Each structure stands twice: as C-alpha cells, then as structure tokens.
Amino acid sequence: MIIYTKQEAFTAPCGACRQVIAEFLQPDALVTSVNHLGARIDWTVQQLLPDAFTPESLE
C-alpha cells in the first residue's frame, strides 16, 4: 500500500485506516509513505498497529 502526499513530512495512516489495513493485510505487508520529493519511509502493518484486533483474534 502506498500513501502519497505533497508535503515534506511523511504521512502515516490514521487510526481507523490502520484498523482496516490490519484486518485485510498480513502483519508483514508493507505500507509506504512517499512525498513529492521522492523520499519514502516503509512500515509493516505490525509496526503501524501492534496487537491489532484481527479476524484471527476471533479464533
């Protein structure tokens, strides 16, 4: 998943978005923030939302 913003600071997903991402992507999936200068930062889903409530939590 890629997040693009036209600003120098990197933008991470909001809390509600992080929950949806955690429900549909694997914990090791990459989420990348890119800005208009071509700089980037990567996180895994696990890094963005540790101890997330996921479908596996219902088992």
Protein backbone atom coordinates (compact mmCIF):
# COMPACT_ATOMS: atom_id res chain seq x y z
CA MET A 1 0.00 0.00 0.00
CA ILE A 2 1.33 3.46 -0.87
CA ILE A 3 0.39 6.78 0.69
CA TYR A 4 1.37 9.87 -1.32
CA THR A 5 1.29 13.43 -0.05
CA LYS A 6 2.66 16.65 -1.42
CA GLN A 7 4.48 17.75 1.71
CA GLU A 8 7.91 17.14 3.18
CA ALA A 9 6.68 15.29 6.28
CA PHE A 10 5.69 11.67 5.81
CA THR A 11 2.04 10.82 6.39
CA ALA A 12 1.09 7.64 8.19
CA PRO A 13 -2.44 6.18 8.02
CA CYS A 14 -4.97 7.41 10.59
CA GLY A 15 -6.18 5.08 13.34
CA ALA A 16 -9.34 3.96 11.53
CA CYS A 17 -7.34 3.25 8.37
CA ARG A 18 -4.77 1.29 10.38
CA GLN A 19 -7.52 -0.96 11.74
CA VAL A 20 -8.89 -1.69 8.24
CA ILE A 21 -5.37 -2.30 6.93
CA ALA A 22 -4.70 -4.73 9.81
CA GLU A 23 -7.92 -6.63 9.05
CA PHE A 24 -7.19 -7.15 5.34
CA LEU A 25 -3.39 -7.28 5.01
CA GLN A 26 -0.85 -9.64 6.51
CA PRO A 27 1.17 -8.36 9.51
CA ASP A 28 4.36 -8.30 7.40
CA ALA A 29 2.78 -6.38 4.46
CA LEU A 30 4.48 -3.09 3.66
CA VAL A 31 2.83 0.30 3.91
CA THR A 32 4.91 3.01 2.22
CA SER A 33 4.63 6.79 2.55
CA VAL A 34 6.07 8.79 -0.35
CA ASN A 35 6.30 12.55 -0.74
CA HIS A 36 6.59 14.82 -3.78
CA LEU A 37 10.38 14.90 -3.35
CA GLY A 38 10.64 11.15 -3.91
CA ALA A 39 11.60 10.39 -0.30
CA ARG A 40 9.94 7.40 1.29
CA ILE A 41 9.51 5.50 4.52
CA ASP A 42 8.26 1.93 4.95
CA TRP A 43 6.38 0.31 7.82
CA THR A 44 4.94 -3.14 8.22
CA VAL A 45 1.31 -3.46 9.24
CA GLN A 46 2.56 -4.88 12.56
CA GLN A 47 4.65 -1.75 13.16
CA LEU A 48 1.71 0.54 12.46
CA LEU A 49 -0.75 -1.30 14.67
CA PRO A 50 0.86 -3.70 17.14
CA ASP A 51 -1.55 -6.03 18.96
CA ALA A 52 -4.27 -5.30 16.40
CA PHE A 53 -7.72 -6.87 16.64
CA THR A 54 -7.92 -9.02 13.51
CA PRO A 55 -10.09 -11.91 12.28
CA GLU A 56 -7.55 -14.26 13.88
CA SER A 57 -8.44 -12.71 17.25
CA LEU A 58 -11.87 -14.40 16.98
CA GLU A 59 -10.47 -17.93 16.75
